Amino acid sequence: SHRMAAPGDLKYAYRTGGEADRKRLGLYGILGLDNIYATRDQIKHAARKLQLMYHEDVINRKFNDKYDIAEKEQRLRKLHLELKTNKADPQVIQEFSELGMEVERLHKERNKLLREAKRRWTNIIEAKEVLLDEVKRKMYDMEAFPSKQSEFKAREELHRMKVRQANLEVENMREEVSKIMKSESEEGLVILEARYGDVSHTMMERPGCYIDVRIPIQAMVGQLEKSVLDYVPPSSRTSYAFLKGFYNPLWIEEAKHEEDRFLEIIYKYKGRLHIAEFYDGDPFVLPRKEHICEKHETMDDVGWRAQETKRERRERTLWGICTLAGSVAVVGATILIFGWGSSKKSSNSSIRRKNLIRQPAVYLTR
């Protein structure tokens, strides 16, 4: 069974349990479900109800009805006509000014509400697509709710299915991505490289440590605003691996020990190169000023600098370990040599004292 939250006074609420339960239940909580074993029909019904609740037309109608925006705009137009004929009427001027400021404030508030509704709408669609897809749902349940399924063979088979599905999704995106690239042109947001997984190593150092996700990332550009990629995961339990065209390349290593995944993106915006790195599951926005590279750097320089930074990080760690081990060895050797020398010195002095004691006896016998 599932329980839905009432829309209320234009307030966003997924379910009656609140934000904590929504995060605890992950994508199920996004759809207002309190049961992780919900059926396909329950998921469809919950998603349809929320899609109607957060539809742009529904939000517009509710907001306009609540604040009488149409009547206020009509009154504002009449006052504008009156001011054309009688410019010196102070009452008309004051009312026109106050009403104009109020209408402007309401427009800003409505735009903010519509943007948030669009974000929620995107999260609902993403949750619906994952939970209605048998493969994606099993993969999600394994990561978010390990108690449901945890056998290695099942994970291996699901990984193969996910890889095939991701490759198919990438192929289906190619035409859409080519259109996006044309619309972005030279001054827009163009993804040059995007890697997901263990981006601190190269394929030569660790084969299969990351996957190329340039096409899926480019397909996300402009969903909320032109030349902007604004991604917010629908739940704190949601990994990038559940995005279209993605999969987890480190699933075998993660079955043995904890492994961190990152998303590295090299992109061009307004002719300038940018580079960014995000921890798996974190929200991110492109473009950002802090991602800008130096003016003289080329694409090869950026890739080389990123790889060198990671290599230097590893070498610095190894150098620190070696230095520490060397220091310990030197201290140990010093203690050993000092202890051996002091013991030898003490033994020689004791022998000398014994000889001095014995010498008079030798002379007397002579």
Protein backbone atom coordinates (compact mmCIF):
# COMPACT_ATOMS: atom_id res chain seq x y z
CA SER A 1 0.00 0.00 0.00
CA HIS A 2 1.06 3.61 -0.44
CA ARG A 3 0.13 6.85 1.22
CA MET A 4 0.14 10.19 -0.56
CA ALA A 5 0.54 13.67 0.88
CA ALA A 6 -2.10 16.30 0.16
CA PRO A 7 -0.93 19.17 -2.10
CA GLY A 8 -2.05 21.78 0.44
CA ASP A 9 -1.51 25.50 -0.10
CA LEU A 10 0.93 25.21 -3.03
CA LYS A 11 3.42 23.57 -0.68
CA TYR A 12 5.71 20.85 -1.91
CA ALA A 13 5.33 17.68 0.18
CA TYR A 14 5.98 14.23 -1.14
CA ARG A 15 4.42 12.28 1.69
CA THR A 16 3.06 12.72 5.20
CA GLY A 17 6.20 11.26 6.80
CA GLY A 18 8.28 14.33 5.94
CA GLU A 19 11.79 14.87 4.55
CA ALA A 20 13.51 12.33 6.83
CA ASP A 21 11.31 9.45 5.66
CA ARG A 22 11.65 10.57 2.04
CA LYS A 23 15.44 10.34 2.29
CA ARG A 24 15.24 7.03 4.14
CA LEU A 25 13.06 5.51 1.42
CA GLY A 26 15.06 7.02 -1.45
CA LEU A 27 13.33 6.94 -4.83
CA TYR A 28 10.28 5.26 -3.29
CA GLY A 29 9.89 8.24 -0.98
CA ILE A 30 10.21 10.59 -3.96
CA LEU A 31 7.01 9.04 -5.34
CA GLY A 32 5.29 9.18 -1.95
CA LEU A 33 5.54 5.44 -1.38
CA ASP A 34 6.23 4.03 2.08
CA ASN A 35 6.81 0.47 0.86
CA ILE A 36 10.00 -0.56 -0.97
CA TYR A 37 8.18 -3.68 -2.21
CA ALA A 38 5.54 -1.63 -4.06
CA THR A 39 4.07 -3.13 -7.23
CA ARG A 40 4.35 -1.62 -10.72
CA ASP A 41 0.71 -0.44 -10.56
CA GLN A 42 1.32 1.32 -7.26
CA ILE A 43 4.42 3.02 -8.65
CA LYS A 44 2.55 4.13 -11.80
CA HIS A 45 -0.39 5.48 -9.79
CA ALA A 46 1.86 7.38 -7.36
CA ALA A 47 3.96 8.89 -10.16
CA ARG A 48 0.89 9.93 -12.18
CA LYS A 49 -0.65 11.64 -9.16
CA LEU A 50 2.52 13.59 -8.41
CA GLN A 51 3.06 14.51 -12.06
CA LEU A 52 -0.39 16.10 -12.10
CA MET A 53 0.34 17.87 -8.83
CA TYR A 54 3.59 19.44 -10.08
CA HIS A 55 2.57 20.09 -13.68
CA GLU A 56 3.45 23.60 -14.86
CA ASP A 57 -0.12 24.42 -15.89
CA VAL A 58 -1.50 23.28 -12.53
CA ILE A 59 1.02 25.40 -10.60
CA ASN A 60 0.26 28.42 -12.80
CA ARG A 61 -3.51 28.06 -12.37
CA LYS A 62 -3.34 27.60 -8.59
CA PHE A 63 -0.95 30.52 -8.13
CA ASN A 64 -2.99 32.87 -10.35
CA ASP A 65 -6.25 31.92 -8.63
CA LYS A 66 -4.80 32.42 -5.17
CA TYR A 67 -3.32 35.88 -5.77
CA ASP A 68 -5.75 37.14 -8.48
CA ILE A 69 -2.85 38.00 -10.78
CA ALA A 70 -5.07 38.38 -13.87
CA GLU A 71 -7.28 41.00 -12.16
CA LYS A 72 -4.26 42.88 -10.81
CA GLU A 73 -2.63 42.97 -14.23
CA GLN A 74 -5.87 44.24 -15.77
CA ARG A 75 -6.13 46.95 -13.10
CA LEU A 76 -2.48 47.88 -13.76
CA ARG A 77 -3.23 48.37 -17.47
CA LYS A 78 -6.20 50.63 -16.66
CA LEU A 79 -4.07 52.74 -14.33
CA HIS A 80 -1.45 53.04 -17.06
CA LEU A 81 -4.07 54.41 -19.45
CA GLU A 82 -5.28 56.85 -16.80
CA LEU A 83 -1.75 58.11 -16.28
CA LYS A 84 -1.48 58.85 -19.98
CA THR A 85 -4.50 61.16 -19.80
CA ASN A 86 -3.95 62.54 -16.30
CA LYS A 87 -0.28 62.44 -15.35
CA ALA A 88 -0.57 64.66 -12.28
CA ASP A 89 -3.07 62.60 -10.22
CA PRO A 90 -1.08 61.61 -7.07
CA GLN A 91 -3.53 58.85 -6.05
CA VAL A 92 -3.30 57.16 -9.45
CA ILE A 93 0.49 57.45 -9.40
CA GLN A 94 0.72 55.93 -5.91
CA GLU A 95 -1.67 53.07 -6.72
CA PHE A 96 0.10 52.38 -10.01
CA SER A 97 3.48 52.27 -8.26
CA GLU A 98 2.34 50.02 -5.39
CA LEU A 99 0.39 47.67 -7.65
CA GLY A 100 3.27 47.47 -10.13
CA MET A 101 5.71 46.49 -7.37
CA GLU A 102 3.28 43.87 -6.06
CA VAL A 103 2.73 42.33 -9.51
CA GLU A 104 6.48 42.24 -10.12
CA ARG A 105 7.02 40.49 -6.76
CA LEU A 106 4.31 37.93 -7.56
CA HIS A 107 5.85 37.24 -10.96
CA LYS A 108 9.24 36.56 -9.35
CA GLU A 109 7.65 34.32 -6.74
CA ARG A 110 5.73 32.40 -9.41
CA ASN A 111 8.87 31.92 -11.54
CA LYS A 112 10.72 30.61 -8.50
CA LEU A 113 7.85 28.24 -7.74
CA LEU A 114 7.73 27.04 -11.35
CA ARG A 115 11.47 26.40 -11.37
CA GLU A 116 11.23 24.36 -8.19
CA ALA A 117 8.21 22.49 -9.61
CA LYS A 118 10.18 21.68 -12.76
CA ARG A 119 13.03 20.33 -10.63
CA ARG A 120 10.60 18.18 -8.63
CA TRP A 121 8.96 17.07 -11.89
CA THR A 122 12.39 15.95 -13.18
CA ASN A 123 13.06 14.02 -9.95
CA ILE A 124 9.67 12.30 -10.18
CA ILE A 125 10.29 11.28 -13.81
CA GLU A 126 13.76 9.96 -12.93
CA ALA A 127 12.42 7.97 -9.96
CA LYS A 128 9.61 6.58 -12.09
CA GLU A 129 11.99 5.50 -14.87
CA VAL A 130 14.29 3.69 -12.42
CA LEU A 131 11.55 1.93 -10.44
CA LEU A 132 9.51 0.86 -13.49
CA ASP A 133 12.58 -0.61 -15.19
CA GLU A 134 13.23 -4.11 -13.82
CA VAL A 135 17.02 -3.96 -14.27
CA LYS A 136 17.45 -0.44 -12.89
CA ARG A 137 15.20 -1.18 -9.94
CA LYS A 138 17.20 -4.27 -8.98
CA MET A 139 20.46 -2.34 -9.27
CA TYR A 140 19.05 0.49 -7.18
CA ASP A 141 17.68 -1.84 -4.50
CA MET A 142 21.06 -3.58 -4.22
CA GLU A 143 22.83 -0.30 -3.47
CA ALA A 144 20.13 1.46 -1.46
CA PHE A 145 18.61 -1.54 0.34
CA PRO A 146 21.22 -4.35 0.48
CA SER A 147 18.95 -6.52 2.63
CA LYS A 148 16.67 -7.16 -0.35
CA GLN A 149 19.33 -8.84 -2.53
CA SER A 150 23.02 -9.34 -1.90
CA GLU A 151 24.25 -12.40 -3.87
CA PHE A 152 27.31 -11.89 -6.03
CA LYS A 153 25.99 -13.87 -9.01
CA ALA A 154 22.87 -11.76 -9.14
CA ARG A 155 25.01 -8.62 -9.04
CA GLU A 156 27.20 -9.92 -11.86
CA GLU A 157 24.23 -10.72 -14.10
CA LEU A 158 22.57 -7.40 -13.37
CA HIS A 159 25.83 -5.59 -14.12
CA ARG A 160 25.98 -7.19 -17.56
CA MET A 161 22.38 -6.20 -18.22
CA LYS A 162 23.05 -2.65 -17.02
CA VAL A 163 26.09 -2.32 -19.30
CA ARG A 164 24.07 -3.45 -22.32
CA GLN A 165 21.25 -1.08 -21.40
CA ALA A 166 23.63 1.87 -20.87
CA ASN A 167 25.27 1.29 -24.26
CA LEU A 168 21.84 1.19 -25.91
CA GLU A 169 20.83 4.43 -24.16
CA VAL A 170 24.02 6.14 -25.35
CA GLU A 171 23.32 5.10 -28.93
CA ASN A 172 19.80 6.52 -28.67
CA MET A 173 21.20 9.82 -27.32
CA ARG A 174 23.59 10.48 -30.18
CA GLU A 175 21.08 12.21 -32.44
CA GLU A 176 19.76 14.38 -29.60
CA VAL A 177 23.31 15.27 -28.53
CA SER A 178 24.22 16.36 -32.08
CA LYS A 179 21.25 18.76 -32.01
CA ILE A 180 22.31 20.10 -28.61
CA MET A 181 25.86 20.64 -29.87
CA LYS A 182 24.56 22.65 -32.83
CA SER A 183 22.34 24.80 -30.60
CA GLU A 184 25.17 25.44 -28.11
CA SER A 185 27.58 26.40 -30.95
CA GLU A 186 30.85 28.09 -29.99
CA GLU A 187 29.65 30.20 -27.05
CA GLY A 188 27.51 27.54 -25.36
CA LEU A 189 28.28 24.69 -22.98
CA VAL A 190 30.11 21.92 -24.83
CA ILE A 191 31.33 18.79 -23.00
CA LEU A 192 34.77 17.78 -24.27
CA GLU A 193 35.48 14.88 -21.91
CA ALA A 194 33.59 13.23 -19.06
CA ARG A 195 34.72 10.22 -17.03
CA TYR A 196 32.94 8.37 -14.23
CA GLY A 197 34.56 5.94 -11.78
CA ASP A 198 38.15 5.96 -10.49
CA VAL A 199 39.39 9.02 -12.38
CA SER A 200 42.66 9.20 -10.40
CA HIS A 201 44.19 6.45 -12.59
CA THR A 202 44.61 6.05 -16.33
CA MET A 203 43.39 3.04 -18.30
CA MET A 204 47.03 1.92 -18.62
CA GLU A 205 47.50 1.97 -14.86
CA ARG A 206 44.13 0.39 -14.02
CA PRO A 207 42.13 -1.03 -16.95
CA GLY A 208 38.38 -0.48 -16.77
CA CYS A 209 38.59 1.94 -13.83
CA TYR A 210 36.21 4.48 -15.42
CA ILE A 211 33.73 4.86 -18.27
CA ASP A 212 33.27 7.59 -20.88
CA VAL A 213 30.07 9.54 -20.15
CA ARG A 214 30.55 12.55 -22.44
CA ILE A 215 27.38 11.87 -24.46
CA PRO A 216 25.06 11.35 -21.42
CA ILE A 217 26.41 14.51 -19.76
CA GLN A 218 25.99 16.57 -22.95
CA ALA A 219 22.40 15.28 -23.25
CA MET A 220 21.65 16.77 -19.79
CA VAL A 221 22.67 20.29 -20.88
CA GLY A 222 19.77 22.73 -21.26
CA GLN A 223 17.08 20.66 -19.53
CA LEU A 224 16.24 23.48 -17.10
CA GLU A 225 17.94 26.44 -18.78
CA LYS A 226 19.86 26.95 -22.02
CA SER A 227 23.64 26.44 -21.77
CA VAL A 228 23.27 25.29 -18.13
CA LEU A 229 23.59 21.85 -16.57
CA ASP A 230 21.92 21.95 -13.16
CA TYR A 231 21.73 18.44 -11.70
CA VAL A 232 20.23 17.66 -8.29
CA PRO A 233 19.86 13.95 -7.42
CA PRO A 234 16.30 13.04 -6.42
CA SER A 235 17.52 11.31 -3.26
CA SER A 236 20.62 11.19 -1.08
CA ARG A 237 20.89 7.46 -1.85
CA THR A 238 20.95 8.00 -5.61
CA SER A 239 24.30 7.45 -7.38
CA TYR A 240 25.27 8.80 -10.79
CA ALA A 241 25.22 5.14 -11.88
CA PHE A 242 21.43 5.40 -12.26
CA LEU A 243 21.57 8.21 -14.81
CA LYS A 244 20.89 7.35 -18.44
CA GLY A 245 23.99 5.97 -20.14
CA PHE A 246 25.82 5.40 -16.82
CA TYR A 247 26.78 2.26 -14.93
CA ASN A 248 29.16 1.45 -12.08
CA PRO A 249 32.53 0.26 -13.48
CA LEU A 250 33.89 -0.56 -10.00
CA TRP A 251 31.17 -2.93 -8.81
CA ILE A 252 33.55 -5.90 -8.34
CA GLU A 253 36.00 -3.88 -6.23
CA GLU A 254 33.15 -2.40 -4.20
CA ALA A 255 31.92 -5.92 -3.41
CA LYS A 256 35.28 -6.54 -1.70
CA HIS A 257 36.00 -3.15 -0.15
CA GLU A 258 34.72 0.41 -0.20
CA GLU A 259 35.63 2.30 -3.37
CA ASP A 260 35.03 6.00 -4.04
CA ARG A 261 33.64 7.07 -7.41
CA PHE A 262 34.02 10.50 -8.99
CA LEU A 263 32.74 12.32 -12.06
CA GLU A 264 35.33 14.40 -13.92
CA ILE A 265 34.14 16.81 -16.62
CA ILE A 266 36.25 18.90 -19.01
CA TYR A 267 34.07 21.35 -20.89
CA LYS A 268 34.18 24.56 -22.91
CA TYR A 269 31.97 27.58 -22.25
CA LYS A 270 32.23 30.86 -24.16
CA GLY A 271 35.48 29.65 -25.70
CA ARG A 272 37.18 28.99 -22.31
CA LEU A 273 38.23 25.59 -21.03
CA HIS A 274 36.84 24.42 -17.69
CA ILE A 275 37.53 21.35 -15.55
CA ALA A 276 35.49 20.04 -12.62
CA GLU A 277 35.37 16.96 -10.40
CA PHE A 278 32.41 15.81 -8.29
CA TYR A 279 31.95 13.09 -5.70
CA ASP A 280 29.44 10.41 -6.70
CA GLY A 281 25.87 11.50 -5.98
CA ASP A 282 26.64 15.18 -5.26
CA PRO A 283 24.58 17.89 -6.98
CA PHE A 284 26.49 20.03 -9.47
CA VAL A 285 26.04 23.04 -11.74
CA LEU A 286 27.87 23.88 -14.97
CA PRO A 287 29.31 26.35 -15.83
CA ARG A 288 31.00 27.82 -12.72
CA LYS A 289 33.76 30.44 -12.42
CA GLU A 290 35.90 28.22 -10.17
CA HIS A 291 36.13 25.66 -13.00
CA ILE A 292 37.89 28.06 -15.42
CA CYS A 293 41.39 27.04 -16.59
CA GLU A 294 44.26 29.35 -17.44
CA LYS A 295 43.90 31.29 -20.70
CA HIS A 296 46.99 29.78 -22.32
CA GLU A 297 46.05 26.17 -21.50
CA THR A 298 44.90 23.86 -24.27
CA MET A 299 42.83 20.69 -24.09
CA ASP A 300 45.99 18.56 -23.82
CA ASP A 301 47.32 20.81 -21.06
CA VAL A 302 44.11 20.49 -19.04
CA GLY A 303 44.03 16.69 -19.33
CA TRP A 304 47.76 16.51 -18.54
CA ARG A 305 47.43 18.88 -15.58
CA ALA A 306 44.51 16.93 -14.13
CA GLN A 307 46.39 13.64 -14.51
CA GLU A 308 49.60 15.13 -13.12
CA THR A 309 47.74 16.51 -10.11
CA LYS A 310 46.35 13.06 -9.33
CA ARG A 311 49.71 11.40 -9.97
CA GLU A 312 51.48 13.93 -7.76
CA ARG A 313 48.88 13.29 -5.06
CA ARG A 314 49.64 9.57 -5.15
CA GLU A 315 53.41 10.14 -5.32
CA ARG A 316 53.22 12.59 -2.43
CA THR A 317 51.41 9.98 -0.37
CA LEU A 318 53.98 7.30 -1.24
CA TRP A 319 56.84 9.73 -0.58
CA GLY A 320 55.36 10.52 2.84
CA ILE A 321 55.14 6.83 3.68
CA CYS A 322 58.72 6.20 2.49
CA THR A 323 60.01 9.22 4.41
CA LEU A 324 58.29 8.06 7.57
CA ALA A 325 59.66 4.53 7.14
CA GLY A 326 63.16 5.94 6.51
CA SER A 327 63.00 8.12 9.59
CA VAL A 328 61.93 5.17 11.72
CA ALA A 329 64.77 3.09 10.28
CA VAL A 330 67.38 5.82 10.98
CA VAL A 331 66.15 6.30 14.54
CA GLY A 332 66.17 2.54 15.10
CA ALA A 333 69.70 2.20 13.71
CA THR A 334 70.93 5.10 15.84
CA ILE A 335 69.49 3.55 18.98
CA LEU A 336 70.99 0.18 18.08
CA ILE A 337 74.47 1.59 17.37
CA PHE A 338 74.44 3.78 20.46
CA GLY A 339 73.32 0.90 22.62
CA TRP A 340 76.01 -1.43 21.18
CA GLY A 341 78.73 1.20 21.60
CA SER A 342 77.79 1.99 25.19
CA SER A 343 77.65 -1.70 26.09
CA LYS A 344 81.11 -2.27 24.50
CA LYS A 345 82.53 0.71 26.35
CA SER A 346 81.18 -0.49 29.66
CA SER A 347 82.55 -3.98 29.08
CA ASN A 348 86.05 -2.59 28.24
CA SER A 349 86.09 -0.41 31.38
CA SER A 350 85.10 -3.37 33.54
CA ILE A 351 87.92 -5.47 32.02
CA ARG A 352 90.41 -2.64 32.65
CA ARG A 353 89.32 -2.40 36.29
CA LYS A 354 89.79 -6.13 36.73
CA ASN A 355 93.33 -5.98 35.24
CA LEU A 356 94.29 -3.14 37.57
CA ILE A 357 93.12 -5.17 40.51
CA ARG A 358 95.01 -8.26 39.39
CA GLN A 359 98.30 -6.52 38.44
CA PRO A 360 99.64 -5.92 42.04
CA ALA A 361 99.22 -9.59 42.83
CA VAL A 362 101.31 -10.47 39.77
CA TYR A 363 104.16 -8.16 40.87
CA LEU A 364 104.20 -9.59 44.43
CA THR A 365 104.54 -13.11 43.17
CA ARG A 366 107.51 -12.05 41.10
